[in-house]
Amino acid sequence: MSQTTDILNLLQSGPLTALDALERIGCFRLASRINDLRKAGHNIQTNTITLPNGKQIAQYTLTQGAINGQ
């Protein structure tokens, strides 16, 4: 199974951050894989969340039912 497929499966379970992807499937380049999924027609929303230490990170969410314009 490809890393992109693994990430799609994780997104179907809920929101995903780069740290989640690194810990769960060893993906160091989540933003690139998200871009691949978007090019394949998946509607993925990016939200910026602020951690308790003040740092901001991206959190990705798959919008259900929005594949290839559906």
PDB file of N, CA and C in Angstrom:
ATOM      1  N   MET A   1       0.850  -1.187   0.000  1.00  0.00           N
ATOM      2  CA  MET A   1       0.000   0.000   0.000  1.00  0.00           C
ATOM      3  C   MET A   1       0.891   1.244   0.000  1.00  0.00           C
ATOM      4  N   SER A   2       0.524   2.245  -0.788  1.00  0.00           N
ATOM      5  CA  SER A   2       1.333   3.458  -0.874  1.00  0.00           C
ATOM      6  C   SER A   2       1.066   4.375   0.323  1.00  0.00           C
ATOM      7  N   GLN A   3       2.012   5.258   0.547  1.00  0.00           N
ATOM      8  CA  GLN A   3       1.872   6.212   1.639  1.00  0.00           C
ATOM      9  C   GLN A   3       0.658   7.114   1.411  1.00  0.00           C
ATOM     10  N   THR A   4       0.402   7.479   0.167  1.00  0.00           N
ATOM     11  CA  THR A   4      -0.748   8.324  -0.148  1.00  0.00           C
ATOM     12  C   THR A   4      -2.052   7.614   0.207  1.00  0.00           C
ATOM     13  N   THR A   5      -2.133   6.330  -0.082  1.00  0.00           N
ATOM     14  CA  THR A   5      -3.315   5.549   0.275  1.00  0.00           C
ATOM     15  C   THR A   5      -3.454   5.453   1.789  1.00  0.00           C
ATOM     16  N   ASP A   6      -2.338   5.256   2.473  1.00  0.00           N
ATOM     17  CA  ASP A   6      -2.365   5.210   3.945  1.00  0.00           C
ATOM     18  C   ASP A   6      -2.888   6.518   4.519  1.00  0.00           C
ATOM     19  N   ILE A   7      -2.448   7.638   3.948  1.00  0.00           N
ATOM     20  CA  ILE A   7      -2.888   8.949   4.431  1.00  0.00           C
ATOM     21  C   ILE A   7      -4.369   9.154   4.168  1.00  0.00           C
ATOM     22  N   LEU A   8      -4.844   8.736   3.006  1.00  0.00           N
ATOM     23  CA  LEU A   8      -6.275   8.836   2.716  1.00  0.00           C
ATOM     24  C   LEU A   8      -7.076   8.035   3.731  1.00  0.00           C
ATOM     25  N   ASN A   9      -6.614   6.848   4.061  1.00  0.00           N
ATOM     26  CA  ASN A   9      -7.295   6.032   5.074  1.00  0.00           C
ATOM     27  C   ASN A   9      -7.311   6.724   6.431  1.00  0.00           C
ATOM     28  N   LEU A  10      -6.204   7.358   6.806  1.00  0.00           N
ATOM     29  CA  LEU A  10      -6.159   8.087   8.081  1.00  0.00           C
ATOM     30  C   LEU A  10      -7.121   9.271   8.060  1.00  0.00           C
ATOM     31  N   LEU A  11      -7.168   9.993   6.942  1.00  0.00           N
ATOM     32  CA  LEU A  11      -8.070  11.141   6.831  1.00  0.00           C
ATOM     33  C   LEU A  11      -9.534  10.718   6.921  1.00  0.00           C
ATOM     34  N   GLN A  12      -9.846   9.533   6.449  1.00  0.00           N
ATOM     35  CA  GLN A  12     -11.218   9.043   6.527  1.00  0.00           C
ATOM     36  C   GLN A  12     -11.624   8.756   7.973  1.00  0.00           C
ATOM     37  N   SER A  13     -10.621   8.611   8.849  1.00  0.00           N
ATOM     38  CA  SER A  13     -10.880   8.374  10.272  1.00  0.00           C
ATOM     39  C   SER A  13     -10.996   9.664  11.069  1.00  0.00           C
ATOM     40  N   GLY A  14     -10.509  10.780  10.490  1.00  0.00           N
ATOM     41  CA  GLY A  14     -10.572  12.053  11.201  1.00  0.00           C
ATOM     42  C   GLY A  14      -9.427  12.962  10.826  1.00  0.00           C
ATOM     43  N   PRO A  15      -9.319  14.114  11.508  1.00  0.00           N
ATOM     44  CA  PRO A  15      -8.274  15.100  11.199  1.00  0.00           C
ATOM     45  C   PRO A  15      -6.870  14.513  11.359  1.00  0.00           C
ATOM     46  N   LEU A  16      -5.923  15.091  10.620  1.00  0.00           N
ATOM     47  CA  LEU A  16      -4.557  14.579  10.606  1.00  0.00           C
ATOM     48  C   LEU A  16      -3.563  15.729  10.611  1.00  0.00           C
ATOM     49  N   THR A  17      -2.526  15.624  11.434  1.00  0.00           N
ATOM     50  CA  THR A  17      -1.423  16.585  11.448  1.00  0.00           C
ATOM     51  C   THR A  17      -0.154  15.876  10.999  1.00  0.00           C
ATOM     52  N   ALA A  18       0.884  16.650  10.723  1.00  0.00           N
ATOM     53  CA  ALA A  18       2.158  16.072  10.298  1.00  0.00           C
ATOM     54  C   ALA A  18       2.725  15.149  11.374  1.00  0.00           C
ATOM     55  N   LEU A  19       2.578  15.521  12.633  1.00  0.00           N
ATOM     56  CA  LEU A  19       3.078  14.667  13.714  1.00  0.00           C
ATOM     57  C   LEU A  19       2.318  13.348  13.770  1.00  0.00           C
ATOM     58  N   ASP A  20       1.005  13.392  13.566  1.00  0.00           N
ATOM     59  CA  ASP A  20       0.200  12.165  13.508  1.00  0.00           C
ATOM     60  C   ASP A  20       0.709  11.246  12.394  1.00  0.00           C
ATOM     61  N   ALA A  21       0.915  11.831  11.203  1.00  0.00           N
ATOM     62  CA  ALA A  21       1.355  11.040  10.051  1.00  0.00           C
ATOM     63  C   ALA A  21       2.740  10.444  10.282  1.00  0.00           C
ATOM     64  N   LEU A  22       3.613  11.195  10.906  1.00  0.00           N
ATOM     65  CA  LEU A  22       4.957  10.694  11.200  1.00  0.00           C
ATOM     66  C   LEU A  22       4.900   9.539  12.185  1.00  0.00           C
ATOM     67  N   GLU A  23       4.137   9.704  13.250  1.00  0.00           N
ATOM     68  CA  GLU A  23       4.040   8.667  14.281  1.00  0.00           C
ATOM     69  C   GLU A  23       3.329   7.413  13.778  1.00  0.00           C
ATOM     70  N   ARG A  24       2.280   7.581  12.984  1.00  0.00           N
ATOM     71  CA  ARG A  24       1.442   6.436  12.605  1.00  0.00           C
ATOM     72  C   ARG A  24       1.935   5.669  11.384  1.00  0.00           C
ATOM     73  N   ILE A  25       2.490   6.406  10.386  1.00  0.00           N
ATOM     74  CA  ILE A  25       2.921   5.694   9.175  1.00  0.00           C
ATOM     75  C   ILE A  25       4.322   6.088   8.711  1.00  0.00           C
ATOM     76  N   GLY A  26       5.019   6.923   9.470  1.00  0.00           N
ATOM     77  CA  GLY A  26       6.387   7.286   9.119  1.00  0.00           C
ATOM     78  C   GLY A  26       6.498   8.258   7.957  1.00  0.00           C
ATOM     79  N   CYS A  27       5.489   9.086   7.744  1.00  0.00           N
ATOM     80  CA  CYS A  27       5.483  10.043   6.633  1.00  0.00           C
ATOM     81  C   CYS A  27       6.108  11.360   7.094  1.00  0.00           C
ATOM     82  N   PHE A  28       7.204  11.750   6.444  1.00  0.00           N
ATOM     83  CA  PHE A  28       7.873  13.009   6.755  1.00  0.00           C
ATOM     84  C   PHE A  28       7.358  14.169   5.914  1.00  0.00           C
ATOM     85  N   ARG A  29       6.653  13.900   4.806  1.00  0.00           N
ATOM     86  CA  ARG A  29       6.233  14.949   3.871  1.00  0.00           C
ATOM     87  C   ARG A  29       4.721  14.929   3.676  1.00  0.00           C
ATOM     88  N   LEU A  30       3.991  15.135   4.738  1.00  0.00           N
ATOM     89  CA  LEU A  30       2.535  15.081   4.673  1.00  0.00           C
ATOM     90  C   LEU A  30       1.969  16.107   3.695  1.00  0.00           C
ATOM     91  N   ALA A  31       2.473  17.321   3.685  1.00  0.00           N
ATOM     92  CA  ALA A  31       1.933  18.357   2.799  1.00  0.00           C
ATOM     93  C   ALA A  31       2.028  17.933   1.329  1.00  0.00           C
ATOM     94  N   SER A  32       3.094  17.251   0.961  1.00  0.00           N
ATOM     95  CA  SER A  32       3.239  16.772  -0.419  1.00  0.00           C
ATOM     96  C   SER A  32       2.220  15.689  -0.744  1.00  0.00           C
ATOM     97  N   ARG A  33       2.000  14.787   0.206  1.00  0.00           N
ATOM     98  CA  ARG A  33       1.021  13.725  -0.021  1.00  0.00           C
ATOM     99  C   ARG A  33      -0.394  14.299  -0.072  1.00  0.00           C
ATOM    100  N   ILE A  34      -0.680  15.328   0.743  1.00  0.00           N
ATOM    101  CA  ILE A  34      -1.981  16.003   0.700  1.00  0.00           C
ATOM    102  C   ILE A  34      -2.170  16.638  -0.672  1.00  0.00           C
ATOM    103  N   ASN A  35      -1.120  17.249  -1.201  1.00  0.00           N
ATOM    104  CA  ASN A  35      -1.181  17.840  -2.538  1.00  0.00           C
ATOM    105  C   ASN A  35      -1.495  16.769  -3.590  1.00  0.00           C
ATOM    106  N   ASP A  36      -0.862  15.603  -3.475  1.00  0.00           N
ATOM    107  CA  ASP A  36      -1.148  14.497  -4.397  1.00  0.00           C
ATOM    108  C   ASP A  36      -2.620  14.094  -4.333  1.00  0.00           C
ATOM    109  N   LEU A  37      -3.151  14.012  -3.112  1.00  0.00           N
ATOM    110  CA  LEU A  37      -4.556  13.633  -2.942  1.00  0.00           C
ATOM    111  C   LEU A  37      -5.493  14.688  -3.522  1.00  0.00           C
ATOM    112  N   ARG A  38      -5.145  15.953  -3.342  1.00  0.00           N
ATOM    113  CA  ARG A  38      -5.963  17.027  -3.919  1.00  0.00           C
ATOM    114  C   ARG A  38      -5.957  16.953  -5.438  1.00  0.00           C
ATOM    115  N   LYS A  39      -4.794  16.703  -6.024  1.00  0.00           N
ATOM    116  CA  LYS A  39      -4.698  16.569  -7.481  1.00  0.00           C
ATOM    117  C   LYS A  39      -5.516  15.389  -7.989  1.00  0.00           C
ATOM    118  N   ALA A  40      -5.682  14.373  -7.132  1.00  0.00           N
ATOM    119  CA  ALA A  40      -6.480  13.197  -7.497  1.00  0.00           C
ATOM    120  C   ALA A  40      -7.981  13.466  -7.324  1.00  0.00           C
ATOM    121  N   GLY A  41      -8.341  14.659  -6.844  1.00  0.00           N
ATOM    122  CA  GLY A  41      -9.747  15.031  -6.756  1.00  0.00           C
ATOM    123  C   GLY A  41     -10.355  15.004  -5.369  1.00  0.00           C
ATOM    124  N   HIS A  42      -9.565  14.728  -4.350  1.00  0.00           N
ATOM    125  CA  HIS A  42     -10.093  14.697  -2.981  1.00  0.00           C
ATOM    126  C   HIS A  42     -10.147  16.113  -2.407  1.00  0.00           C
ATOM    127  N   ASN A  43     -11.253  16.443  -1.770  1.00  0.00           N
ATOM    128  CA  ASN A  43     -11.427  17.753  -1.164  1.00  0.00           C
ATOM    129  C   ASN A  43     -10.906  17.682   0.273  1.00  0.00           C
ATOM    130  N   ILE A  44      -9.757  18.296   0.490  1.00  0.00           N
ATOM    131  CA  ILE A  44      -9.120  18.270   1.807  1.00  0.00           C
ATOM    132  C   ILE A  44      -8.979  19.700   2.298  1.00  0.00           C
ATOM    133  N   GLN A  45      -9.501  19.948   3.475  1.00  0.00           N
ATOM    134  CA  GLN A  45      -9.476  21.282   4.075  1.00  0.00           C
ATOM    135  C   GLN A  45      -8.267  21.390   5.009  1.00  0.00           C
ATOM    136  N   THR A  46      -7.614  22.553   4.985  1.00  0.00           N
ATOM    137  CA  THR A  46      -6.488  22.821   5.874  1.00  0.00           C
ATOM    138  C   THR A  46      -6.929  23.826   6.926  1.00  0.00           C
ATOM    139  N   ASN A  47      -6.733  23.470   8.183  1.00  0.00           N
ATOM    140  CA  ASN A  47      -7.012  24.376   9.295  1.00  0.00           C
ATOM    141  C   ASN A  47      -5.720  24.599  10.058  1.00  0.00           C
ATOM    142  N   THR A  48      -5.510  25.821  10.510  1.00  0.00           N
ATOM    143  CA  THR A  48      -4.349  26.121  11.341  1.00  0.00           C
ATOM    144  C   THR A  48      -4.785  26.046  12.791  1.00  0.00           C
ATOM    145  N   ILE A  49      -4.075  25.225  13.560  1.00  0.00           N
ATOM    146  CA  ILE A  49      -4.384  25.130  14.985  1.00  0.00           C
ATOM    147  C   ILE A  49      -3.183  25.618  15.784  1.00  0.00           C
ATOM    148  N   THR A  50      -3.459  26.221  16.918  1.00  0.00           N
ATOM    149  CA  THR A  50      -2.410  26.736  17.786  1.00  0.00           C
ATOM    150  C   THR A  50      -2.240  25.788  18.970  1.00  0.00           C
ATOM    151  N   LEU A  51      -1.008  25.344  19.161  1.00  0.00           N
ATOM    152  CA  LEU A  51      -0.692  24.442  20.269  1.00  0.00           C
ATOM    153  C   LEU A  51      -0.562  25.230  21.568  1.00  0.00           C
ATOM    154  N   PRO A  52      -0.616  24.534  22.701  1.00  0.00           N
ATOM    155  CA  PRO A  52      -0.486  25.236  23.989  1.00  0.00           C
ATOM    156  C   PRO A  52       0.798  26.061  24.120  1.00  0.00           C
ATOM    157  N   ASN A  53       1.857  25.668  23.394  1.00  0.00           N
ATOM    158  CA  ASN A  53       3.123  26.414  23.475  1.00  0.00           C
ATOM    159  C   ASN A  53       3.146  27.617  22.538  1.00  0.00           C
ATOM    160  N   GLY A  54       2.032  27.868  21.819  1.00  0.00           N
ATOM    161  CA  GLY A  54       1.923  29.014  20.938  1.00  0.00           C
ATOM    162  C   GLY A  54       2.274  28.736  19.487  1.00  0.00           C
ATOM    163  N   LYS A  55       2.853  27.588  19.189  1.00  0.00           N
ATOM    164  CA  LYS A  55       3.203  27.261  17.808  1.00  0.00           C
ATOM    165  C   LYS A  55       1.948  26.898  17.026  1.00  0.00           C
ATOM    166  N   GLN A  56       1.978  27.201  15.740  1.00  0.00           N
ATOM    167  CA  GLN A  56       0.848  26.891  14.875  1.00  0.00           C
ATOM    168  C   GLN A  56       1.229  25.774  13.912  1.00  0.00           C
ATOM    169  N   ILE A  57       0.298  24.832  13.711  1.00  0.00           N
ATOM    170  CA  ILE A  57       0.517  23.719  12.801  1.00  0.00           C
ATOM    171  C   ILE A  57      -0.720  23.531  11.922  1.00  0.00           C
ATOM    172  N   ALA A  58      -0.522  22.848  10.800  1.00  0.00           N
ATOM    173  CA  ALA A  58      -1.639  22.555   9.895  1.00  0.00           C
ATOM    174  C   ALA A  58      -2.312  21.258  10.313  1.00  0.00           C
ATOM    175  N   GLN A  59      -3.622  21.273  10.232  1.00  0.00           N
ATOM    176  CA  GLN A  59      -4.432  20.073  10.486  1.00  0.00           C
ATOM    177  C   GLN A  59      -5.311  19.879   9.252  1.00  0.00           C
ATOM    178  N   TYR A  60      -5.243  18.684   8.674  1.00  0.00           N
ATOM    179  CA  TYR A  60      -5.964  18.377   7.436  1.00  0.00           C
ATOM    180  C   TYR A  60      -7.201  17.546   7.731  1.00  0.00           C
ATOM    181  N   THR A  61      -8.295  17.871   7.035  1.00  0.00           N
ATOM    182  CA  THR A  61      -9.559  17.166   7.201  1.00  0.00           C
ATOM    183  C   THR A  61     -10.131  16.855   5.821  1.00  0.00           C
ATOM    184  N   LEU A  62     -10.551  15.621   5.629  1.00  0.00           N
ATOM    185  CA  LEU A  62     -11.182  15.209   4.384  1.00  0.00           C
ATOM    186  C   LEU A  62     -12.654  15.584   4.443  1.00  0.00           C
ATOM    187  N   THR A  63     -13.118  16.334   3.432  1.00  0.00           N
ATOM    188  CA  THR A  63     -14.527  16.680   3.340  1.00  0.00           C
ATOM    189  C   THR A  63     -15.239  15.509   2.684  1.00  0.00           C
ATOM    190  N   GLN A  64     -16.106  14.866   3.416  1.00  0.00           N
ATOM    191  CA  GLN A  64     -16.784  13.658   2.951  1.00  0.00           C
ATOM    192  C   GLN A  64     -17.632  13.925   1.725  1.00  0.00           C
ATOM    193  N   GLY A  65     -17.634  12.972   0.803  1.00  0.00           N
ATOM    194  CA  GLY A  65     -18.468  13.045  -0.380  1.00  0.00           C
ATOM    195  C   GLY A  65     -17.994  14.010  -1.444  1.00  0.00           C
ATOM    196  N   ALA A  66     -16.802  14.566  -1.272  1.00  0.00           N
ATOM    197  CA  ALA A  66     -16.328  15.548  -2.237  1.00  0.00           C
ATOM    198  C   ALA A  66     -15.111  15.006  -2.984  1.00  0.00           C
ATOM    199  N   ILE A  67     -15.331  13.971  -3.790  1.00  0.00           N
ATOM    200  CA  ILE A  67     -14.269  13.401  -4.597  1.00  0.00           C
ATOM    201  C   ILE A  67     -14.624  13.631  -6.060  1.00  0.00           C
ATOM    202  N   ASN A  68     -13.685  14.246  -6.773  1.00  0.00           N
ATOM    203  CA  ASN A  68     -13.888  14.554  -8.201  1.00  0.00           C
ATOM    204  C   ASN A  68     -15.167  15.356  -8.439  1.00  0.00           C
ATOM    205  N   GLY A  69     -15.390  16.352  -7.581  1.00  0.00           N
ATOM    206  CA  GLY A  69     -16.513  17.259  -7.779  1.00  0.00           C
ATOM    207  C   GLY A  69     -17.876  16.731  -7.363  1.00  0.00           C
ATOM    208  N   GLN A  70     -17.947  15.593  -6.702  1.00  0.00           N
ATOM    209  CA  GLN A  70     -19.232  15.024  -6.290  1.00  0.00           C
ATOM    210  C   GLN A  70     -19.772  15.710  -5.060  1.00  0.00           C
TER     211      GLN A  70
END
